[in-house]
Amino acid sequence: MSRTDTPKDKARSIRLLALDVDGVLTDGSLYFHADGSESKAFNSLDGHGIKMLQASGVEVAIITGRRSKMVEQRAKALGIKILFQGREDKLVALKSIQESKQLEWSQIAYCGDDLPDLSAIKASGLGITVPNAPEYMVQHADMCTNREGGQGAVREVCDFIMQAQGTLQDAIDHYLLGC
C-alpha cells in the first residue's frame, strides 16, 4: 500500500480490527459508585457491528489501558477472544497480536482516541480515531468517524470495512430475507 491509498483502499486488506475501550467503545465517561464499583455504557449498535464484522471473516481484538470486569464481560458476550487489559503500551500489545496471527501491518486496523493509542494508529494499515479525540489524534489517523465514541463509532468502522470488502450487502440481505 502506498501513502496515497484512500482509507477505503486500506480497508479492503483488513483481517483484524483492534479497538480501544474508553472513548471508542464507550463515550469515555467513567462512573465510580460509593461502594467502590464502577460502570460503563456500551452501544448496542457497536456490538451488532462487531458481530457482523466477525461473521464476515474479520477478527476483532480489544486493547485497553484500564482493567474492568465489564470489559471482560462485553468481550465475551461479543465473542471477542483477544483481550488485553491494563495495557498503556498499545503498540506492544498490537505487535504481539500481529505476530501471533501472522498478519502484515496492512491487514490490521486500529481505532483509538488518545495518546496511548497514537503509535498503534500510526503502525496499523488503517489507523482510525473518533471526533471526540484531540485534534492531534485526528491529524495522525487515516480516517476519523462521523460518530463519537460510544455513540456508534465502532459500528461505523465495521460497516466501512465491510463495505470496502464487499460483505456489507450480504449482511444486510441476511436480515432482509429474515434468515
N, C-alpha and C. Protein backbone atom coordinates (compact mmCIF):
# COMPACT_ATOMS: atom_id res chain seq x y z
N MET A 1 0.85 -1.18 0.00
CA MET A 1 0.00 0.00 0.00
C MET A 1 0.89 1.24 0.00
N SER A 2 0.45 2.22 -0.71
CA SER A 2 1.20 3.47 -0.74
C SER A 2 0.53 4.49 0.17
N ARG A 3 1.24 5.55 0.45
CA ARG A 3 0.71 6.61 1.30
C ARG A 3 -0.49 7.31 0.66
N THR A 4 -0.65 7.15 -0.64
CA THR A 4 -1.76 7.81 -1.32
C THR A 4 -3.03 6.96 -1.34
N ASP A 5 -2.94 5.73 -0.83
CA ASP A 5 -4.14 4.89 -0.78
C ASP A 5 -5.19 5.55 0.11
N THR A 6 -6.41 5.45 -0.31
CA THR A 6 -7.51 6.01 0.48
C THR A 6 -7.84 5.06 1.63
N PRO A 7 -8.55 5.55 2.65
CA PRO A 7 -8.98 4.64 3.71
C PRO A 7 -9.76 3.44 3.18
N LYS A 8 -10.59 3.64 2.16
CA LYS A 8 -11.34 2.53 1.58
C LYS A 8 -10.40 1.51 0.95
N ASP A 9 -9.36 1.98 0.26
CA ASP A 9 -8.35 1.06 -0.31
C ASP A 9 -7.71 0.25 0.80
N LYS A 10 -7.34 0.91 1.88
CA LYS A 10 -6.68 0.24 3.01
C LYS A 10 -7.62 -0.76 3.68
N ALA A 11 -8.91 -0.42 3.77
CA ALA A 11 -9.89 -1.28 4.45
C ALA A 11 -10.08 -2.61 3.74
N ARG A 12 -9.82 -2.67 2.46
CA ARG A 12 -10.01 -3.91 1.70
C ARG A 12 -9.11 -5.04 2.20
N SER A 13 -7.96 -4.70 2.78
CA SER A 13 -6.99 -5.70 3.23
C SER A 13 -7.16 -6.11 4.69
N ILE A 14 -8.05 -5.49 5.42
CA ILE A 14 -8.13 -5.68 6.87
C ILE A 14 -8.62 -7.09 7.22
N ARG A 15 -7.86 -7.75 8.11
CA ARG A 15 -8.21 -9.07 8.64
C ARG A 15 -8.44 -9.02 10.15
N LEU A 16 -8.00 -7.89 10.78
CA LEU A 16 -8.15 -7.73 12.23
C LEU A 16 -8.43 -6.26 12.54
N LEU A 17 -9.45 -6.04 13.36
CA LEU A 17 -9.75 -4.70 13.88
C LEU A 17 -9.48 -4.73 15.37
N ALA A 18 -8.57 -3.87 15.84
CA ALA A 18 -8.29 -3.74 17.27
C ALA A 18 -8.88 -2.43 17.76
N LEU A 19 -9.51 -2.50 18.93
CA LEU A 19 -10.24 -1.36 19.48
C LEU A 19 -9.78 -0.99 20.88
N ASP A 20 -9.70 0.30 21.13
CA ASP A 20 -9.58 0.82 22.49
C ASP A 20 -10.98 0.78 23.10
N VAL A 21 -11.10 0.96 24.39
CA VAL A 21 -12.41 0.93 25.04
C VAL A 21 -12.89 2.34 25.38
N ASP A 22 -12.27 2.97 26.39
CA ASP A 22 -12.76 4.26 26.87
C ASP A 22 -12.54 5.34 25.81
N GLY A 23 -13.64 5.91 25.34
CA GLY A 23 -13.59 6.93 24.29
C GLY A 23 -13.84 6.38 22.90
N VAL A 24 -13.86 5.04 22.77
CA VAL A 24 -14.13 4.39 21.47
C VAL A 24 -15.36 3.49 21.61
N LEU A 25 -15.25 2.43 22.41
CA LEU A 25 -16.42 1.57 22.66
C LEU A 25 -17.37 2.21 23.68
N THR A 26 -16.87 3.18 24.44
CA THR A 26 -17.71 3.96 25.35
C THR A 26 -17.49 5.43 25.03
N ASP A 27 -18.28 6.29 25.67
CA ASP A 27 -18.09 7.73 25.44
C ASP A 27 -16.93 8.30 26.25
N GLY A 28 -16.24 7.45 26.98
CA GLY A 28 -15.09 7.89 27.76
C GLY A 28 -15.43 8.23 29.20
N SER A 29 -16.71 8.28 29.53
CA SER A 29 -17.10 8.57 30.91
C SER A 29 -16.81 7.38 31.79
N LEU A 30 -16.31 7.65 32.99
CA LEU A 30 -16.06 6.61 33.98
C LEU A 30 -16.95 6.91 35.17
N TYR A 31 -17.81 5.97 35.54
CA TYR A 31 -18.74 6.15 36.64
C TYR A 31 -18.26 5.34 37.84
N PHE A 32 -17.87 6.04 38.91
CA PHE A 32 -17.42 5.40 40.14
C PHE A 32 -18.52 5.54 41.18
N HIS A 33 -18.91 4.44 41.79
CA HIS A 33 -20.01 4.41 42.75
C HIS A 33 -19.48 4.38 44.17
N ALA A 34 -20.32 4.78 45.12
CA ALA A 34 -19.92 4.87 46.53
C ALA A 34 -19.40 3.54 47.07
N ASP A 35 -19.89 2.43 46.55
CA ASP A 35 -19.45 1.12 47.04
C ASP A 35 -18.11 0.68 46.44
N GLY A 36 -17.50 1.55 45.63
CA GLY A 36 -16.22 1.23 45.02
C GLY A 36 -16.32 0.60 43.65
N SER A 37 -17.52 0.27 43.23
CA SER A 37 -17.69 -0.32 41.91
C SER A 37 -17.70 0.79 40.85
N GLU A 38 -17.60 0.38 39.62
CA GLU A 38 -17.68 1.33 38.52
C GLU A 38 -18.57 0.75 37.43
N SER A 39 -19.02 1.61 36.54
CA SER A 39 -19.84 1.14 35.43
C SER A 39 -19.48 1.90 34.16
N LYS A 40 -19.82 1.28 33.03
CA LYS A 40 -19.60 1.85 31.70
C LYS A 40 -20.84 1.54 30.88
N ALA A 41 -21.08 2.34 29.87
CA ALA A 41 -22.20 2.08 28.95
C ALA A 41 -21.62 1.76 27.58
N PHE A 42 -22.08 0.65 27.00
CA PHE A 42 -21.68 0.24 25.67
C PHE A 42 -22.85 0.41 24.72
N ASN A 43 -22.57 0.74 23.47
CA ASN A 43 -23.60 0.98 22.48
C ASN A 43 -23.97 -0.34 21.77
N SER A 44 -25.25 -0.64 21.72
CA SER A 44 -25.69 -1.90 21.09
C SER A 44 -25.45 -1.90 19.58
N LEU A 45 -25.46 -0.74 18.93
CA LEU A 45 -25.12 -0.68 17.50
C LEU A 45 -23.69 -1.15 17.27
N ASP A 46 -22.79 -0.71 18.14
CA ASP A 46 -21.39 -1.15 18.03
C ASP A 46 -21.30 -2.66 18.18
N GLY A 47 -22.02 -3.20 19.16
CA GLY A 47 -21.98 -4.63 19.40
C GLY A 47 -22.43 -5.44 18.21
N HIS A 48 -23.52 -5.01 17.59
CA HIS A 48 -24.00 -5.76 16.43
C HIS A 48 -23.05 -5.61 15.25
N GLY A 49 -22.48 -4.43 15.09
CA GLY A 49 -21.48 -4.23 14.04
C GLY A 49 -20.29 -5.15 14.21
N ILE A 50 -19.83 -5.32 15.45
CA ILE A 50 -18.71 -6.22 15.74
C ILE A 50 -19.08 -7.65 15.37
N LYS A 51 -20.28 -8.06 15.73
CA LYS A 51 -20.71 -9.42 15.40
C LYS A 51 -20.77 -9.62 13.88
N MET A 52 -21.29 -8.64 13.15
CA MET A 52 -21.36 -8.75 11.69
C MET A 52 -19.96 -8.80 11.07
N LEU A 53 -19.06 -7.95 11.59
CA LEU A 53 -17.70 -7.91 11.06
C LEU A 53 -17.01 -9.25 11.27
N GLN A 54 -17.17 -9.82 12.46
CA GLN A 54 -16.58 -11.13 12.74
C GLN A 54 -17.18 -12.20 11.83
N ALA A 55 -18.47 -12.14 11.61
CA ALA A 55 -19.12 -13.11 10.72
C ALA A 55 -18.61 -12.99 9.28
N SER A 56 -18.13 -11.80 8.91
CA SER A 56 -17.60 -11.60 7.56
C SER A 56 -16.17 -12.10 7.43
N GLY A 57 -15.56 -12.51 8.55
CA GLY A 57 -14.20 -13.05 8.49
C GLY A 57 -13.12 -12.16 9.06
N VAL A 58 -13.50 -11.01 9.59
CA VAL A 58 -12.52 -10.10 10.20
C VAL A 58 -12.56 -10.31 11.71
N GLU A 59 -11.40 -10.59 12.29
CA GLU A 59 -11.32 -10.80 13.73
C GLU A 59 -11.28 -9.45 14.45
N VAL A 60 -11.77 -9.43 15.69
CA VAL A 60 -11.79 -8.20 16.48
C VAL A 60 -11.04 -8.45 17.78
N ALA A 61 -10.25 -7.45 18.18
CA ALA A 61 -9.49 -7.50 19.43
C ALA A 61 -9.76 -6.22 20.22
N ILE A 62 -9.58 -6.31 21.52
CA ILE A 62 -9.68 -5.14 22.40
C ILE A 62 -8.35 -4.98 23.13
N ILE A 63 -7.84 -3.74 23.11
CA ILE A 63 -6.64 -3.39 23.86
C ILE A 63 -6.97 -2.13 24.65
N THR A 64 -6.97 -2.24 25.99
CA THR A 64 -7.38 -1.12 26.81
C THR A 64 -6.38 -0.87 27.94
N GLY A 65 -6.25 0.37 28.31
CA GLY A 65 -5.33 0.75 29.37
C GLY A 65 -5.84 0.43 30.76
N ARG A 66 -7.13 0.35 30.92
CA ARG A 66 -7.73 0.07 32.23
C ARG A 66 -8.07 -1.41 32.34
N ARG A 67 -8.30 -1.85 33.55
CA ARG A 67 -8.80 -3.21 33.81
C ARG A 67 -10.23 -3.10 34.30
N SER A 68 -11.10 -3.91 33.70
CA SER A 68 -12.50 -3.83 34.06
C SER A 68 -13.19 -5.16 33.81
N LYS A 69 -13.89 -5.64 34.81
CA LYS A 69 -14.68 -6.87 34.66
C LYS A 69 -15.76 -6.66 33.60
N MET A 70 -16.28 -5.42 33.50
CA MET A 70 -17.31 -5.13 32.50
C MET A 70 -16.80 -5.31 31.07
N VAL A 71 -15.56 -4.92 30.83
CA VAL A 71 -14.97 -5.08 29.50
C VAL A 71 -14.80 -6.56 29.20
N GLU A 72 -14.38 -7.33 30.19
CA GLU A 72 -14.25 -8.77 30.02
C GLU A 72 -15.61 -9.39 29.67
N GLN A 73 -16.65 -8.97 30.37
CA GLN A 73 -18.00 -9.48 30.09
C GLN A 73 -18.48 -9.08 28.71
N ARG A 74 -18.21 -7.83 28.32
CA ARG A 74 -18.64 -7.35 27.00
C ARG A 74 -17.91 -8.11 25.89
N ALA A 75 -16.62 -8.30 26.05
CA ALA A 75 -15.85 -9.05 25.06
C ALA A 75 -16.40 -10.47 24.91
N LYS A 76 -16.67 -11.11 26.03
CA LYS A 76 -17.20 -12.48 26.00
C LYS A 76 -18.55 -12.52 25.30
N ALA A 77 -19.43 -11.55 25.61
CA ALA A 77 -20.76 -11.51 25.00
C ALA A 77 -20.68 -11.32 23.49
N LEU A 78 -19.65 -10.63 23.02
CA LEU A 78 -19.50 -10.37 21.58
C LEU A 78 -18.63 -11.41 20.88
N GLY A 79 -18.13 -12.39 21.61
CA GLY A 79 -17.29 -13.41 21.00
C GLY A 79 -15.89 -12.92 20.67
N ILE A 80 -15.44 -11.87 21.35
CA ILE A 80 -14.09 -11.34 21.13
C ILE A 80 -13.13 -12.15 22.00
N LYS A 81 -12.22 -12.85 21.36
CA LYS A 81 -11.31 -13.74 22.07
C LYS A 81 -9.99 -13.08 22.44
N ILE A 82 -9.63 -12.02 21.75
CA ILE A 82 -8.36 -11.34 22.01
C ILE A 82 -8.64 -10.10 22.86
N LEU A 83 -8.24 -10.14 24.12
CA LEU A 83 -8.48 -9.05 25.05
C LEU A 83 -7.22 -8.78 25.86
N PHE A 84 -6.70 -7.57 25.73
CA PHE A 84 -5.57 -7.11 26.52
C PHE A 84 -6.08 -5.97 27.40
N GLN A 85 -6.00 -6.15 28.73
CA GLN A 85 -6.41 -5.10 29.66
C GLN A 85 -5.19 -4.62 30.46
N GLY A 86 -5.27 -3.38 30.94
CA GLY A 86 -4.18 -2.80 31.73
C GLY A 86 -2.94 -2.55 30.90
N ARG A 87 -3.13 -2.22 29.62
CA ARG A 87 -2.01 -2.05 28.70
C ARG A 87 -1.96 -0.62 28.17
N GLU A 88 -1.06 0.17 28.71
CA GLU A 88 -0.80 1.51 28.15
C GLU A 88 0.10 1.40 26.93
N ASP A 89 0.82 0.28 26.81
CA ASP A 89 1.73 0.04 25.69
C ASP A 89 0.95 -0.62 24.55
N LYS A 90 0.03 0.12 23.97
CA LYS A 90 -0.89 -0.42 22.97
C LYS A 90 -0.14 -1.03 21.77
N LEU A 91 0.92 -0.38 21.32
CA LEU A 91 1.64 -0.89 20.16
C LEU A 91 2.32 -2.22 20.47
N VAL A 92 2.86 -2.37 21.66
CA VAL A 92 3.49 -3.64 22.05
C VAL A 92 2.43 -4.75 22.06
N ALA A 93 1.26 -4.47 22.62
CA ALA A 93 0.18 -5.46 22.63
C ALA A 93 -0.26 -5.79 21.21
N LEU A 94 -0.41 -4.75 20.38
CA LEU A 94 -0.83 -4.97 19.00
C LEU A 94 0.21 -5.78 18.23
N LYS A 95 1.48 -5.50 18.49
CA LYS A 95 2.55 -6.24 17.81
C LYS A 95 2.50 -7.72 18.19
N SER A 96 2.17 -8.02 19.43
CA SER A 96 2.09 -9.44 19.82
C SER A 96 0.93 -10.13 19.11
N ILE A 97 -0.17 -9.41 18.89
CA ILE A 97 -1.28 -9.96 18.12
C ILE A 97 -0.85 -10.17 16.67
N GLN A 98 -0.22 -9.15 16.12
CA GLN A 98 0.23 -9.21 14.72
C GLN A 98 1.13 -10.41 14.49
N GLU A 99 2.05 -10.64 15.42
CA GLU A 99 2.98 -11.76 15.28
C GLU A 99 2.27 -13.10 15.48
N SER A 100 1.43 -13.21 16.50
CA SER A 100 0.77 -14.49 16.77
C SER A 100 -0.22 -14.87 15.67
N LYS A 101 -0.84 -13.89 15.06
CA LYS A 101 -1.79 -14.14 13.97
C LYS A 101 -1.12 -14.18 12.60
N GLN A 102 0.19 -13.88 12.59
CA GLN A 102 0.98 -13.85 11.35
C GLN A 102 0.34 -12.93 10.31
N LEU A 103 0.03 -11.72 10.74
CA LEU A 103 -0.57 -10.71 9.87
C LEU A 103 0.46 -9.67 9.46
N GLU A 104 0.27 -9.11 8.29
CA GLU A 104 1.03 -7.93 7.88
C GLU A 104 0.36 -6.73 8.54
N TRP A 105 1.13 -5.67 8.78
CA TRP A 105 0.54 -4.46 9.37
C TRP A 105 -0.59 -3.92 8.50
N SER A 106 -0.48 -4.10 7.19
CA SER A 106 -1.51 -3.62 6.27
C SER A 106 -2.84 -4.34 6.46
N GLN A 107 -2.84 -5.46 7.18
CA GLN A 107 -4.05 -6.23 7.42
C GLN A 107 -4.72 -5.90 8.75
N ILE A 108 -4.17 -4.90 9.45
CA ILE A 108 -4.66 -4.53 10.78
C ILE A 108 -5.20 -3.12 10.77
N ALA A 109 -6.40 -2.96 11.35
CA ALA A 109 -6.97 -1.64 11.61
C ALA A 109 -6.97 -1.44 13.11
N TYR A 110 -6.72 -0.21 13.55
CA TYR A 110 -6.74 0.10 14.98
C TYR A 110 -7.54 1.38 15.17
N CYS A 111 -8.44 1.38 16.14
CA CYS A 111 -9.24 2.56 16.45
C CYS A 111 -9.00 2.96 17.90
N GLY A 112 -8.51 4.17 18.09
CA GLY A 112 -8.25 4.71 19.42
C GLY A 112 -8.52 6.20 19.46
N ASP A 113 -8.47 6.77 20.66
CA ASP A 113 -8.85 8.17 20.80
C ASP A 113 -7.87 9.05 21.54
N ASP A 114 -6.77 8.50 22.08
CA ASP A 114 -5.88 9.36 22.87
C ASP A 114 -4.43 8.91 22.71
N LEU A 115 -3.53 9.65 23.31
CA LEU A 115 -2.10 9.45 23.10
C LEU A 115 -1.60 8.02 23.29
N PRO A 116 -2.09 7.24 24.27
CA PRO A 116 -1.61 5.86 24.35
C PRO A 116 -1.92 5.02 23.09
N ASP A 117 -2.86 5.49 22.27
CA ASP A 117 -3.25 4.80 21.04
C ASP A 117 -2.46 5.26 19.81
N LEU A 118 -1.76 6.36 19.93
CA LEU A 118 -1.17 7.00 18.75
C LEU A 118 -0.21 6.10 17.98
N SER A 119 0.70 5.43 18.67
CA SER A 119 1.67 4.59 17.94
C SER A 119 0.99 3.41 17.26
N ALA A 120 -0.07 2.87 17.87
CA ALA A 120 -0.82 1.77 17.24
C ALA A 120 -1.59 2.27 16.02
N ILE A 121 -2.14 3.46 16.12
CA ILE A 121 -2.83 4.06 14.97
C ILE A 121 -1.86 4.25 13.81
N LYS A 122 -0.67 4.75 14.11
CA LYS A 122 0.32 5.01 13.06
C LYS A 122 0.88 3.72 12.46
N ALA A 123 1.03 2.67 13.25
CA ALA A 123 1.62 1.42 12.75
C ALA A 123 0.64 0.61 11.92
N SER A 124 -0.63 0.76 12.19
CA SER A 124 -1.66 -0.05 11.53
C SER A 124 -1.83 0.32 10.07
N GLY A 125 -2.31 -0.66 9.32
CA GLY A 125 -2.61 -0.41 7.91
C GLY A 125 -3.73 0.60 7.75
N LEU A 126 -4.66 0.62 8.70
CA LEU A 126 -5.75 1.58 8.70
C LEU A 126 -5.90 2.11 10.12
N GLY A 127 -5.40 3.32 10.36
CA GLY A 127 -5.48 3.97 11.67
C GLY A 127 -6.71 4.84 11.75
N ILE A 128 -7.51 4.64 12.79
CA ILE A 128 -8.81 5.30 12.90
C ILE A 128 -8.93 5.98 14.25
N THR A 129 -9.57 7.13 14.27
CA THR A 129 -9.92 7.80 15.51
C THR A 129 -11.35 8.29 15.44
N VAL A 130 -11.78 8.95 16.49
CA VAL A 130 -13.16 9.41 16.63
C VAL A 130 -13.17 10.92 16.82
N PRO A 131 -14.29 11.60 16.50
CA PRO A 131 -14.30 13.06 16.57
C PRO A 131 -14.17 13.63 17.98
N ASN A 132 -14.40 12.83 19.01
CA ASN A 132 -14.21 13.33 20.37
C ASN A 132 -12.75 13.19 20.83
N ALA A 133 -11.88 12.73 19.94
CA ALA A 133 -10.44 12.66 20.24
C ALA A 133 -9.82 14.05 20.07
N PRO A 134 -8.67 14.28 20.72
CA PRO A 134 -7.97 15.55 20.49
C PRO A 134 -7.62 15.73 19.01
N GLU A 135 -7.56 16.94 18.57
CA GLU A 135 -7.30 17.26 17.16
C GLU A 135 -6.01 16.62 16.65
N TYR A 136 -4.97 16.58 17.47
CA TYR A 136 -3.71 15.98 17.00
C TYR A 136 -3.86 14.49 16.73
N MET A 137 -4.82 13.83 17.34
CA MET A 137 -5.07 12.42 17.02
C MET A 137 -5.69 12.31 15.63
N VAL A 138 -6.63 13.19 15.34
CA VAL A 138 -7.29 13.21 14.04
C VAL A 138 -6.26 13.44 12.93
N GLN A 139 -5.29 14.29 13.18
CA GLN A 139 -4.26 14.60 12.19
C GLN A 139 -3.39 13.38 11.85
N HIS A 140 -3.23 12.46 12.78
CA HIS A 140 -2.37 11.30 12.56
C HIS A 140 -3.11 10.06 12.08
N ALA A 141 -4.42 10.08 12.07
CA ALA A 141 -5.21 8.91 11.68
C ALA A 141 -5.49 8.94 10.17
N ASP A 142 -5.71 7.76 9.61
CA ASP A 142 -6.12 7.67 8.21
C ASP A 142 -7.55 8.14 8.03
N MET A 143 -8.37 7.92 9.07
CA MET A 143 -9.75 8.35 9.00
C MET A 143 -10.28 8.66 10.39
N CYS A 144 -11.30 9.49 10.42
CA CYS A 144 -12.00 9.83 11.64
C CYS A 144 -13.48 9.54 11.40
N THR A 145 -14.10 8.82 12.32
CA THR A 145 -15.52 8.50 12.16
C THR A 145 -16.36 9.77 12.27
N ASN A 146 -17.57 9.70 11.80
CA ASN A 146 -18.52 10.80 11.99
C ASN A 146 -19.15 10.73 13.37
N ARG A 147 -19.38 9.50 13.83
CA ARG A 147 -20.00 9.29 15.15
C ARG A 147 -18.93 9.28 16.23
N GLU A 148 -19.30 9.76 17.39
CA GLU A 148 -18.37 9.80 18.51
C GLU A 148 -18.25 8.42 19.18
N GLY A 149 -17.19 8.25 19.94
CA GLY A 149 -17.00 7.03 20.70
C GLY A 149 -18.18 6.79 21.62
N GLY A 150 -18.63 5.55 21.67
CA GLY A 150 -19.77 5.19 22.50
C GLY A 150 -21.11 5.56 21.89
N GLN A 151 -21.08 6.17 20.72
CA GLN A 151 -22.30 6.61 20.04
C GLN A 151 -22.43 6.02 18.64
N GLY A 152 -21.85 4.85 18.44
CA GLY A 152 -21.95 4.18 17.15
C GLY A 152 -20.71 4.31 16.28
N ALA A 153 -19.61 4.84 16.81
CA ALA A 153 -18.38 4.98 16.02
C ALA A 153 -17.85 3.62 15.57
N VAL A 154 -17.90 2.64 16.45
CA VAL A 154 -17.37 1.32 16.10
C VAL A 154 -18.25 0.67 15.03
N ARG A 155 -19.54 0.85 15.11
CA ARG A 155 -20.44 0.34 14.07
C ARG A 155 -20.09 0.96 12.73
N GLU A 156 -19.82 2.26 12.75
CA GLU A 156 -19.43 2.95 11.52
C GLU A 156 -18.15 2.34 10.94
N VAL A 157 -17.18 2.03 11.79
CA VAL A 157 -15.93 1.41 11.34
C VAL A 157 -16.21 0.02 10.76
N CYS A 158 -17.00 -0.77 11.47
CA CYS A 158 -17.33 -2.12 11.00
C CYS A 158 -18.03 -2.07 9.64
N ASP A 159 -19.03 -1.20 9.52
CA ASP A 159 -19.74 -1.06 8.24
C ASP A 159 -18.79 -0.59 7.14
N PHE A 160 -17.88 0.33 7.46
CA PHE A 160 -16.92 0.86 6.49
C PHE A 160 -16.02 -0.26 5.95
N ILE A 161 -15.49 -1.07 6.86
CA ILE A 161 -14.62 -2.17 6.43
C ILE A 161 -15.40 -3.18 5.60
N MET A 162 -16.60 -3.52 6.05
CA MET A 162 -17.41 -4.49 5.30
C MET A 162 -17.80 -3.94 3.93
N GLN A 163 -18.13 -2.67 3.86
CA GLN A 163 -18.46 -2.05 2.56
C GLN A 163 -17.26 -2.13 1.63
N ALA A 164 -16.08 -1.80 2.13
CA ALA A 164 -14.87 -1.83 1.30
C ALA A 164 -14.56 -3.25 0.82
N GLN A 165 -14.88 -4.25 1.65
CA GLN A 165 -14.59 -5.63 1.31
C GLN A 165 -15.73 -6.32 0.58
N GLY A 166 -16.81 -5.60 0.35
CA GLY A 166 -17.93 -6.16 -0.40
C GLY A 166 -18.78 -7.16 0.38
N THR A 167 -18.75 -7.10 1.71
CA THR A 167 -19.51 -8.05 2.53
C THR A 167 -20.71 -7.42 3.23
N LEU A 168 -20.83 -6.10 3.20
CA LEU A 168 -21.92 -5.44 3.94
C LEU A 168 -23.29 -5.78 3.36
N GLN A 169 -23.41 -5.77 2.05
CA GLN A 169 -24.73 -6.04 1.45
C GLN A 169 -25.21 -7.46 1.78
N ASP A 170 -24.30 -8.41 1.81
CA ASP A 170 -24.67 -9.78 2.19
C ASP A 170 -25.22 -9.81 3.61
N ALA A 171 -24.59 -9.05 4.50
CA ALA A 171 -25.06 -9.00 5.89
C ALA A 171 -26.43 -8.36 5.97
N ILE A 172 -26.65 -7.31 5.20
CA ILE A 172 -27.96 -6.65 5.19
C ILE A 172 -29.02 -7.59 4.58
N ASP A 173 -28.67 -8.24 3.48
CA ASP A 173 -29.58 -9.17 2.83
C ASP A 173 -30.03 -10.28 3.78
N HIS A 174 -29.13 -10.72 4.63
CA HIS A 174 -29.45 -11.76 5.61
C HIS A 174 -30.67 -11.34 6.44
N TYR A 175 -30.75 -10.09 6.80
CA TYR A 175 -31.86 -9.58 7.61
C TYR A 175 -33.09 -9.26 6.75
N LEU A 176 -32.86 -8.84 5.52
CA LEU A 176 -33.99 -8.56 4.62
C LEU A 176 -34.76 -9.84 4.29
N LEU A 177 -34.02 -10.94 4.20
CA LEU A 177 -34.62 -12.22 3.87
C LEU A 177 -35.15 -12.95 5.10
N GLY A 178 -34.90 -12.37 6.28
CA GLY A 178 -35.41 -12.97 7.51
C GLY A 178 -34.71 -14.26 7.90
N CYS A 179 -33.49 -14.43 7.45
CA CYS A 179 -32.74 -15.68 7.75
C CYS A 179 -31.94 -15.53 9.01
